[in-house]
C-alpha atoms as a PDB file:
ATOM      1  CA  MET A   1     229.390 229.365  65.105  1.00  0.00           C
ATOM      2  CA  MET A   2     227.979 225.902  65.762  1.00  0.00           C
ATOM      3  CA  GLN A   3     227.550 225.409  62.008  1.00  0.00           C
ATOM      4  CA  LYS A   4     231.220 226.284  61.454  1.00  0.00           C
ATOM      5  CA  ILE A   5     232.359 223.821  64.133  1.00  0.00           C
ATOM      6  CA  LEU A   6     230.160 221.149  62.566  1.00  0.00           C
ATOM      7  CA  ILE A   7     231.682 221.784  59.125  1.00  0.00           C
ATOM      8  CA  ILE A   8     235.227 221.523  60.561  1.00  0.00           C
ATOM      9  CA  PHE A   9     234.320 218.298  62.404  1.00  0.00           C
ATOM     10  CA  ILE A  10     232.852 216.757  59.243  1.00  0.00           C
ATOM     11  CA  SER A  11     235.942 217.806  57.262  1.00  0.00           C
ATOM     12  CA  VAL A  12     238.246 216.099  59.787  1.00  0.00           C
ATOM     13  CA  ILE A  13     236.152 212.912  59.658  1.00  0.00           C
ATOM     14  CA  LEU A  14     236.243 212.929  55.851  1.00  0.00           C
ATOM     15  CA  LEU A  15     240.008 213.419  55.939  1.00  0.00           C
ATOM     16  CA  PHE A  16     240.464 210.371  58.155  1.00  0.00           C
ATOM     17  CA  LEU A  17     238.170 208.374  55.890  1.00  0.00           C
ATOM     18  CA  VAL A  18     240.184 209.351  52.831  1.00  0.00           C
ATOM     19  CA  LEU A  19     243.464 208.480  54.551  1.00  0.00           C
ATOM     20  CA  GLY A  20     242.065 205.184  55.668  1.00  0.00           C
ATOM     21  CA  CYS A  21     240.709 204.190  52.279  1.00  0.00           C
ATOM     22  CA  GLY A  22     243.693 203.409  50.145  1.00  0.00           C
ATOM     23  CA  HIS A  23     245.485 206.763  50.487  1.00  0.00           C
ATOM     24  CA  LYS A  24     249.068 206.023  49.475  1.00  0.00           C
ATOM     25  CA  ILE A  25     251.711 207.559  51.694  1.00  0.00           C
ATOM     26  CA  ASN A  26     254.775 209.013  50.010  1.00  0.00           C
ATOM     27  CA  LYS A  27     257.449 207.474  52.235  1.00  0.00           C
ATOM     28  CA  GLN A  28     260.172 209.554  50.591  1.00  0.00           C
ATOM     29  CA  GLU A  29     258.691 212.654  52.195  1.00  0.00           C
ATOM     30  CA  LEU A  30     258.481 211.171  55.691  1.00  0.00           C
ATOM     31  CA  GLY A  31     260.914 212.353  58.333  1.00  0.00           C
ATOM     32  CA  PRO A  32     262.471 209.847  60.796  1.00  0.00           C
ATOM     33  CA  ASP A  33     259.776 210.214  63.460  1.00  0.00           C
ATOM     34  CA  GLU A  34     256.911 210.002  60.941  1.00  0.00           C
ATOM     35  CA  TYR A  35     258.544 207.018  59.257  1.00  0.00           C
ATOM     36  CA  PHE A  36     258.907 205.283  62.604  1.00  0.00           C
ATOM     37  CA  GLU A  37     255.212 205.813  63.372  1.00  0.00           C
ATOM     38  CA  TYR A  38     254.378 204.419  59.949  1.00  0.00           C
ATOM     39  CA  ALA A  39     256.533 201.321  60.554  1.00  0.00           C
ATOM     40  CA  LYS A  40     255.251 200.927  64.112  1.00  0.00           C
ATOM     41  CA  LYS A  41     251.694 200.912  62.812  1.00  0.00           C
ATOM     42  CA  LYS A  42     252.598 197.935  60.613  1.00  0.00           C
ATOM     43  CA  TYR A  43     254.031 196.210  63.654  1.00  0.00           C
ATOM     44  CA  ASP A  44     250.973 196.951  65.808  1.00  0.00           C
ATOM     45  CA  GLU A  45     248.734 195.554  63.087  1.00  0.00           C
ATOM     46  CA  GLY A  46     250.702 192.296  63.115  1.00  0.00           C
ATOM     47  CA  LYS A  47     252.172 192.904  59.660  1.00  0.00           C
ATOM     48  CA  TYR A  48     255.625 191.850  60.800  1.00  0.00           C
ATOM     49  CA  PHE A  49     257.059 191.112  57.363  1.00  0.00           C
ATOM     50  CA  ASP A  50     256.241 194.659  56.220  1.00  0.00           C
ATOM     51  CA  ALA A  51     257.430 196.064  59.541  1.00  0.00           C
ATOM     52  CA  ILE A  52     260.809 194.381  59.104  1.00  0.00           C
ATOM     53  CA  THR A  53     261.232 196.106  55.756  1.00  0.00           C
ATOM     54  CA  GLU A  54     260.290 199.528  57.098  1.00  0.00           C
ATOM     55  CA  PHE A  55     262.351 199.330  60.305  1.00  0.00           C
ATOM     56  CA  THR A  56     265.340 198.242  58.223  1.00  0.00           C
ATOM     57  CA  VAL A  57     264.882 201.321  56.004  1.00  0.00           C
ATOM     58  CA  ILE A  58     264.841 203.560  59.078  1.00  0.00           C
ATOM     59  CA  VAL A  59     268.023 202.040  60.501  1.00  0.00           C
ATOM     60  CA  LEU A  60     269.840 202.478  57.195  1.00  0.00           C
ATOM     61  CA  LYS A  61     268.348 205.808  56.082  1.00  0.00           C
ATOM     62  CA  PHE A  62     268.342 207.754  59.361  1.00  0.00           C
ATOM     63  CA  SER A  63     271.574 206.534  60.932  1.00  0.00           C
ATOM     64  CA  GLY A  64     272.503 208.771  63.851  1.00  0.00           C
ATOM     65  CA  HIS A  65     268.957 209.950  64.562  1.00  0.00           C
ATOM     66  CA  PRO A  66     267.567 209.210  68.065  1.00  0.00           C
ATOM     67  CA  VAL A  67     264.735 207.154  66.579  1.00  0.00           C
ATOM     68  CA  VAL A  68     267.117 204.561  65.146  1.00  0.00           C
ATOM     69  CA  ASP A  69     267.539 202.525  68.348  1.00  0.00           C
ATOM     70  CA  ASP A  70     263.736 202.324  68.622  1.00  0.00           C
ATOM     71  CA  ALA A  71     263.610 201.036  65.063  1.00  0.00           C
ATOM     72  CA  GLN A  72     266.448 198.604  65.750  1.00  0.00           C
ATOM     73  CA  TYR A  73     264.614 197.158  68.759  1.00  0.00           C
ATOM     74  CA  TYR A  74     261.335 196.740  66.891  1.00  0.00           C
ATOM     75  CA  LEU A  75     263.185 195.256  63.953  1.00  0.00           C
ATOM     76  CA  ALA A  76     264.401 192.543  66.321  1.00  0.00           C
ATOM     77  CA  GLU A  77     260.944 192.243  67.852  1.00  0.00           C
ATOM     78  CA  SER A  78     259.391 191.778  64.414  1.00  0.00           C
ATOM     79  CA  HIS A  79     261.714 188.855  63.730  1.00  0.00           C
ATOM     80  CA  PHE A  80     260.869 187.450  67.162  1.00  0.00           C
ATOM     81  CA  LYS A  81     257.154 187.679  66.414  1.00  0.00           C
ATOM     82  CA  GLN A  82     257.809 185.879  63.127  1.00  0.00           C
ATOM     83  CA  LYS A  83     259.582 183.113  65.131  1.00  0.00           C
ATOM     84  CA  GLU A  84     262.790 183.936  63.260  1.00  0.00           C
ATOM     85  CA  TYR A  85     264.748 183.636  66.488  1.00  0.00           C
ATOM     86  CA  LEU A  86     268.286 183.513  65.098  1.00  0.00           C
ATOM     87  CA  LEU A  87     267.641 186.703  63.124  1.00  0.00           C
ATOM     88  CA  ALA A  88     266.054 188.256  66.193  1.00  0.00           C
ATOM     89  CA  ILE A  89     269.142 187.431  68.289  1.00  0.00           C
ATOM     90  CA  SER A  90     271.349 189.046  65.662  1.00  0.00           C
ATOM     91  CA  GLU A  91     269.286 192.247  65.689  1.00  0.00           C
ATOM     92  CA  TYR A  92     269.032 192.385  69.504  1.00  0.00           C
ATOM     93  CA  GLN A  93     272.794 191.936  69.698  1.00  0.00           C
ATOM     94  CA  LYS A  94     273.296 194.718  67.168  1.00  0.00           C
ATOM     95  CA  LEU A  95     271.285 197.049  69.392  1.00  0.00           C
ATOM     96  CA  ILE A  96     273.379 196.048  72.419  1.00  0.00           C
ATOM     97  CA  ASN A  97     276.647 196.598  70.541  1.00  0.00           C
ATOM     98  CA  GLU A  98     275.780 199.824  68.747  1.00  0.00           C
ATOM     99  CA  TYR A  99     273.367 201.542  71.157  1.00  0.00           C
ATOM    100  CA  PRO A 100     274.580 200.766  74.709  1.00  0.00           C
ATOM    101  CA  GLN A 101     272.759 203.833  76.076  1.00  0.00           C
ATOM    102  CA  SER A 102     269.430 202.837  74.563  1.00  0.00           C
ATOM    103  CA  PRO A 103     266.475 202.358  76.938  1.00  0.00           C
ATOM    104  CA  TYR A 104     265.898 199.094  75.053  1.00  0.00           C
ATOM    105  CA  TYR A 105     269.349 197.770  75.980  1.00  0.00           C
ATOM    106  CA  VAL A 106     268.175 195.723  78.984  1.00  0.00           C
ATOM    107  CA  LEU A 107     265.102 194.404  77.180  1.00  0.00           C
ATOM    108  CA  ALA A 108     267.301 193.287  74.294  1.00  0.00           C
ATOM    109  CA  GLN A 109     269.443 191.267  76.708  1.00  0.00           C
ATOM    110  CA  PHE A 110     266.357 189.571  78.120  1.00  0.00           C
ATOM    111  CA  LYS A 111     264.884 188.882  74.686  1.00  0.00           C
ATOM    112  CA  ILE A 112     268.083 187.181  73.529  1.00  0.00           C
ATOM    113  CA  GLY A 113     267.516 184.763  76.390  1.00  0.00           C
ATOM    114  CA  MET A 114     263.907 184.351  75.320  1.00  0.00           C
ATOM    115  CA  SER A 115     264.966 183.655  71.736  1.00  0.00           C
ATOM    116  CA  TYR A 116     267.301 180.863  72.821  1.00  0.00           C
ATOM    117  CA  TYR A 117     264.587 179.593  75.166  1.00  0.00           C
ATOM    118  CA  LYS A 118     262.111 179.389  72.282  1.00  0.00           C
ATOM    119  CA  MET A 119     264.594 177.363  70.220  1.00  0.00           C
ATOM    120  CA  SER A 120     265.494 175.008  73.070  1.00  0.00           C
ATOM    121  CA  LEU A 121     264.857 171.389  72.088  1.00  0.00           C
ATOM    122  CA  ARG A 122     263.268 168.487  73.956  1.00  0.00           C
ATOM    123  CA  PRO A 123     265.444 166.946  76.738  1.00  0.00           C
ATOM    124  CA  GLU A 124     266.338 163.881  74.685  1.00  0.00           C
ATOM    125  CA  LEU A 125     267.841 166.090  71.951  1.00  0.00           C
ATOM    126  CA  ASP A 126     270.888 168.395  71.882  1.00  0.00           C
ATOM    127  CA  GLN A 127     270.800 170.968  74.695  1.00  0.00           C
ATOM    128  CA  ASP A 128     273.267 173.569  73.402  1.00  0.00           C
ATOM    129  CA  LEU A 129     270.518 176.163  72.923  1.00  0.00           C
ATOM    130  CA  THR A 130     269.156 175.395  76.386  1.00  0.00           C
ATOM    131  CA  LYS A 131     272.571 176.134  77.873  1.00  0.00           C
ATOM    132  CA  LYS A 132     272.829 179.394  75.907  1.00  0.00           C
ATOM    133  CA  ALA A 133     269.409 180.492  77.157  1.00  0.00           C
ATOM    134  CA  LEU A 134     270.400 179.605  80.712  1.00  0.00           C
ATOM    135  CA  ARG A 135     273.639 181.593  80.525  1.00  0.00           C
ATOM    136  CA  GLN A 136     271.824 184.582  79.034  1.00  0.00           C
ATOM    137  CA  PHE A 137     269.225 184.698  81.806  1.00  0.00           C
ATOM    138  CA  GLN A 138     271.885 184.203  84.482  1.00  0.00           C
ATOM    139  CA  THR A 139     273.917 187.073  83.054  1.00  0.00           C
ATOM    140  CA  PHE A 140     270.777 189.210  82.906  1.00  0.00           C
ATOM    141  CA  ILE A 141     270.153 188.675  86.637  1.00  0.00           C
ATOM    142  CA  GLU A 142     273.796 189.300  87.520  1.00  0.00           C
ATOM    143  CA  GLU A 143     273.840 192.598  85.646  1.00  0.00           C
ATOM    144  CA  HIS A 144     270.324 193.734  86.577  1.00  0.00           C
ATOM    145  CA  PRO A 145     269.494 192.155  89.981  1.00  0.00           C
ATOM    146  CA  ASP A 146     266.682 194.618  90.732  1.00  0.00           C
ATOM    147  CA  HIS A 147     265.000 194.647  87.330  1.00  0.00           C
ATOM    148  CA  GLU A 148     261.272 193.946  87.162  1.00  0.00           C
ATOM    149  CA  LEU A 149     261.942 191.075  84.746  1.00  0.00           C
ATOM    150  CA  ARG A 150     264.095 189.219  87.272  1.00  0.00           C
ATOM    151  CA  PRO A 151     261.217 186.947  88.453  1.00  0.00           C
ATOM    152  CA  SER A 152     260.565 185.951  84.846  1.00  0.00           C
ATOM    153  CA  ALA A 153     264.260 185.255  84.274  1.00  0.00           C
ATOM    154  CA  GLU A 154     264.363 183.125  87.432  1.00  0.00           C
ATOM    155  CA  LYS A 155     261.329 181.169  86.276  1.00  0.00           C
ATOM    156  CA  TYR A 156     262.964 180.411  82.933  1.00  0.00           C
ATOM    157  CA  ILE A 157     266.236 179.475  84.631  1.00  0.00           C
ATOM    158  CA  LYS A 158     264.421 176.946  86.803  1.00  0.00           C
ATOM    159  CA  GLU A 159     262.658 175.463  83.779  1.00  0.00           C
ATOM    160  CA  LEU A 160     265.879 175.257  81.773  1.00  0.00           C
ATOM    161  CA  ARG A 161     267.760 173.615  84.636  1.00  0.00           C
ATOM    162  CA  GLU A 162     264.990 171.042  84.926  1.00  0.00           C
ATOM    163  CA  LYS A 163     265.401 170.228  81.255  1.00  0.00           C
ATOM    164  CA  LEU A 164     269.170 169.799  81.604  1.00  0.00           C
ATOM    165  CA  ALA A 165     268.663 167.565  84.651  1.00  0.00           C
ATOM    166  CA  VAL A 166     266.200 165.421  82.710  1.00  0.00           C
ATOM    167  CA  LYS A 167     268.801 165.119  79.933  1.00  0.00           C
ATOM    168  CA  LYS A 168     271.337 163.713  82.396  1.00  0.00           C
ATOM    169  CA  MET A 169     268.758 161.395  83.938  1.00  0.00           C
ATOM    170  CA  LEU A 170     267.896 160.001  80.517  1.00  0.00           C
ATOM    171  CA  ALA A 171     271.548 159.131  79.954  1.00  0.00           C
ATOM    172  CA  ALA A 172     271.787 157.574  83.415  1.00  0.00           C
ATOM    173  CA  THR A 173     268.655 155.513  82.828  1.00  0.00           C
ATOM    174  CA  THR A 174     269.998 154.232  79.520  1.00  0.00           C
ATOM    175  CA  TYR A 175     273.228 153.037  81.132  1.00  0.00           C
ATOM    176  CA  ARG A 176     271.362 151.559  84.107  1.00  0.00           C
ATOM    177  CA  LYS A 177     269.057 149.532  81.882  1.00  0.00           C
ATOM    178  CA  MET A 178     272.072 148.324  79.928  1.00  0.00           C
ATOM    179  CA  GLY A 179     273.646 147.158  83.163  1.00  0.00           C
ATOM    180  CA  ILE A 180     276.534 149.639  82.892  1.00  0.00           C
ATOM    181  CA  TYR A 181     276.053 150.788  86.467  1.00  0.00           C
ATOM    182  CA  ASP A 182     279.322 152.694  86.924  1.00  0.00           C
ATOM    183  CA  ALA A 183     278.476 154.989  83.972  1.00  0.00           C
ATOM    184  CA  ALA A 184     274.948 155.457  85.315  1.00  0.00           C
ATOM    185  CA  VAL A 185     276.356 156.509  88.700  1.00  0.00           C
ATOM    186  CA  VAL A 186     278.492 159.155  86.979  1.00  0.00           C
ATOM    187  CA  TYR A 187     275.376 160.786  85.524  1.00  0.00           C
ATOM    188  CA  TYR A 188     273.412 160.483  88.758  1.00  0.00           C
ATOM    189  CA  ASP A 189     276.267 162.277  90.504  1.00  0.00           C
ATOM    190  CA  ILE A 190     276.096 165.097  87.949  1.00  0.00           C
ATOM    191  CA  VAL A 191     272.419 165.604  88.790  1.00  0.00           C
ATOM    192  CA  ILE A 192     273.127 165.437  92.534  1.00  0.00           C
ATOM    193  CA  ASN A 193     276.016 167.904  92.366  1.00  0.00           C
ATOM    194  CA  ASP A 194     274.903 170.292  89.605  1.00  0.00           C
ATOM    195  CA  TYR A 195     271.087 170.081  89.593  1.00  0.00           C
ATOM    196  CA  TYR A 196     270.365 169.667  93.303  1.00  0.00           C
ATOM    197  CA  ASP A 197     267.460 172.131  93.122  1.00  0.00           C
ATOM    198  CA  THR A 198     265.508 170.235  90.456  1.00  0.00           C
ATOM    199  CA  LYS A 199     262.729 167.657  90.670  1.00  0.00           C
ATOM    200  CA  GLU A 200     265.149 164.954  89.480  1.00  0.00           C
ATOM    201  CA  ILE A 201     267.228 164.984  92.664  1.00  0.00           C
ATOM    202  CA  VAL A 202     265.190 162.318  94.513  1.00  0.00           C
ATOM    203  CA  ASP A 203     265.332 159.921  91.558  1.00  0.00           C
ATOM    204  CA  ALA A 204     269.068 160.547  91.227  1.00  0.00           C
ATOM    205  CA  TYR A 205     269.772 159.587  94.849  1.00  0.00           C
ATOM    206  CA  TYR A 206     267.488 156.560  94.717  1.00  0.00           C
ATOM    207  CA  TRP A 207     268.790 155.071  91.492  1.00  0.00           C
ATOM    208  CA  LYS A 208     272.382 155.831  92.404  1.00  0.00           C
ATOM    209  CA  GLY A 209     271.847 153.776  95.556  1.00  0.00           C
ATOM    210  CA  ILE A 210     270.297 150.968  93.520  1.00  0.00           C
ATOM    211  CA  CYS A 211     273.204 150.927  91.055  1.00  0.00           C
ATOM    212  CA  LEU A 212     275.835 150.968  93.803  1.00  0.00           C
ATOM    213  CA  ASN A 213     274.091 148.078  95.513  1.00  0.00           C
ATOM    214  CA  LYS A 214     274.060 146.083  92.260  1.00  0.00           C
ATOM    215  CA  MET A 215     277.772 146.819  91.858  1.00  0.00           C
ATOM    216  CA  GLY A 216     278.372 145.282  95.274  1.00  0.00           C
ATOM    217  CA  LYS A 217     279.346 148.644  96.792  1.00  0.00           C
ATOM    218  CA  LYS A 218     277.130 148.093  99.830  1.00  0.00           C
ATOM    219  CA  GLN A 219     278.605 150.782 102.062  1.00  0.00           C
ATOM    220  CA  GLU A 220     278.369 153.484  99.384  1.00  0.00           C
ATOM    221  CA  ALA A 221     274.832 152.369  98.539  1.00  0.00           C
ATOM    222  CA  GLN A 222     273.876 152.587 102.203  1.00  0.00           C
ATOM    223  CA  ASN A 223     275.369 156.078 102.573  1.00  0.00           C
ATOM    224  CA  THR A 224     273.558 157.302  99.436  1.00  0.00           C
ATOM    225  CA  LEU A 225     270.184 155.974 100.544  1.00  0.00           C
ATOM    226  CA  LEU A 226     270.627 157.341 104.063  1.00  0.00           C
ATOM    227  CA  ILE A 227     271.305 160.794 102.607  1.00  0.00           C
ATOM    228  CA  LEU A 228     268.145 160.446 100.528  1.00  0.00           C
ATOM    229  CA  MET A 229     266.072 159.631 103.624  1.00  0.00           C
ATOM    230  CA  GLU A 230     267.683 162.421 105.614  1.00  0.00           C
ATOM    231  CA  LYS A 231     267.169 165.127 102.986  1.00  0.00           C
ATOM    232  CA  PHE A 232     263.807 163.914 101.687  1.00  0.00           C
ATOM    233  CA  PRO A 233     262.155 161.883 104.480  1.00  0.00           C
ATOM    234  CA  HIS A 234     258.796 161.799 102.703  1.00  0.00           C
ATOM    235  CA  ASN A 235     260.122 160.841  99.271  1.00  0.00           C
ATOM    236  CA  LYS A 236     258.098 158.531  97.027  1.00  0.00           C
ATOM    237  CA  TYR A 237     260.600 155.672  97.455  1.00  0.00           C
ATOM    238  CA  ARG A 238     260.697 155.661 101.259  1.00  0.00           C
ATOM    239  CA  SER A 239     259.058 152.209 101.684  1.00  0.00           C
ATOM    240  CA  GLU A 240     261.402 150.572  99.185  1.00  0.00           C
ATOM    241  CA  VAL A 241     264.397 152.415 100.632  1.00  0.00           C
ATOM    242  CA  LYS A 242     263.670 151.245 104.186  1.00  0.00           C
ATOM    243  CA  LYS A 243     263.482 147.607 103.048  1.00  0.00           C
ATOM    244  CA  LEU A 244     266.639 147.953 100.967  1.00  0.00           C
ATOM    245  CA  LEU A 245     268.524 149.565 103.845  1.00  0.00           C
ATOM    246  CA  GLU A 246     267.580 146.627 106.069  1.00  0.00           C
ATOM    247  CA  GLU A 247     268.873 144.196 103.433  1.00  0.00           C
ATOM    248  CA  ILE A 248     272.087 146.163 102.950  1.00  0.00           C
ATOM    249  CA  ASP A 249     272.635 146.395 106.696  1.00  0.00           C
ATOM    250  CA  LYS A 250     272.208 142.626 106.988  1.00  0.00           C
ATOM    251  CA  ASP A 251     274.650 142.078 104.100  1.00  0.00           C
ATOM    252  CA  LEU A 252     277.207 144.411 105.678  1.00  0.00           C
ATOM    253  CA  GLN A 253     276.919 142.609 109.008  1.00  0.00           C
ATOM    254  CA  GLU A 254     277.515 139.283 107.270  1.00  0.00           C
ATOM    255  CA  GLN A 255     280.493 140.752 105.426  1.00  0.00           C
ATOM    256  CA  ASN A 256     281.923 142.064 108.683  1.00  0.00           C
ATOM    257  CA  THR A 257     281.416 138.706 110.361  1.00  0.00           C
ATOM    258  CA  LYS A 258     283.147 136.859 107.509  1.00  0.00           C
ATOM    259  CA  GLN A 259     285.970 139.382 107.470  1.00  0.00           C
ATOM    260  CA  ALA A 260     286.413 138.976 111.222  1.00  0.00           C
ATOM    261  CA  GLU A 261     286.576 135.205 110.801  1.00  0.00           C
ATOM    262  CA  VAL A 262     289.167 135.582 108.022  1.00  0.00           C
ATOM    263  CA  ASN A 263     291.250 137.908 110.170  1.00  0.00           C
ATOM    264  CA  GLU A 264     291.055 135.486 113.093  1.00  0.00           C
ATOM    265  CA  THR A 265     292.137 132.626 110.836  1.00  0.00           C
ATOM    266  CA  LEU A 266     295.103 134.617 109.564  1.00  0.00           C
ATOM    267  CA  LYS A 267     296.196 135.345 113.118  1.00  0.00           C
ATOM    268  CA  ASN A 268     296.213 131.641 113.930  1.00  0.00           C
END
């Protein structure tokens, strides 16, 4: 009995060795599930180019079979792994459109956001892809507020918003250095109003106050800097802000005194 078991065991081992040593699989004879396992093995081995070919065959050859949405998802994933993000987005979107009941539906939505995120450019460059990634993650959270990937989506949203805020600050800085203070203030206001939860908010308040002061808008400059000190009392500019507020206050008092003298003269 033991000898028979040993013979069977050795036969199984030899079979695996034969299959693993150049045994060519006849793909024409594979059913949808077997073909998927074959393609998935390519994917697991990191052979994404080959996997793309095989998953594409499954989607086309076995249309209507339950395994097709699995193949469609891993087709998109293979493109993602290859850093072919536009192709990946197209394939994820195809899954969403054609297989709305698929268990991969939610993951496909998230991975579209990830694809745009991966293509997002540096802050000084065009931010259209950044905005698309942001919208995708925001939509994901709105539609799936309790999903386990929500913390990841929130993390990416924060990072993307930081990048957009930096973009606006770069424009503001350019105008400020050129002495076009009114244009700089416009961009600082965008950061203050739209990106209030980013790291750029303190700089936006500070430099807005500086620009307003240089424009001679003392009262607005004072109000801006007071808001900065109220909201962020321990900000990195606090020493400079306190000195500037004293100067502005002195200037405003002088202006009020002169205006009072003018008014008195006009009365007489």
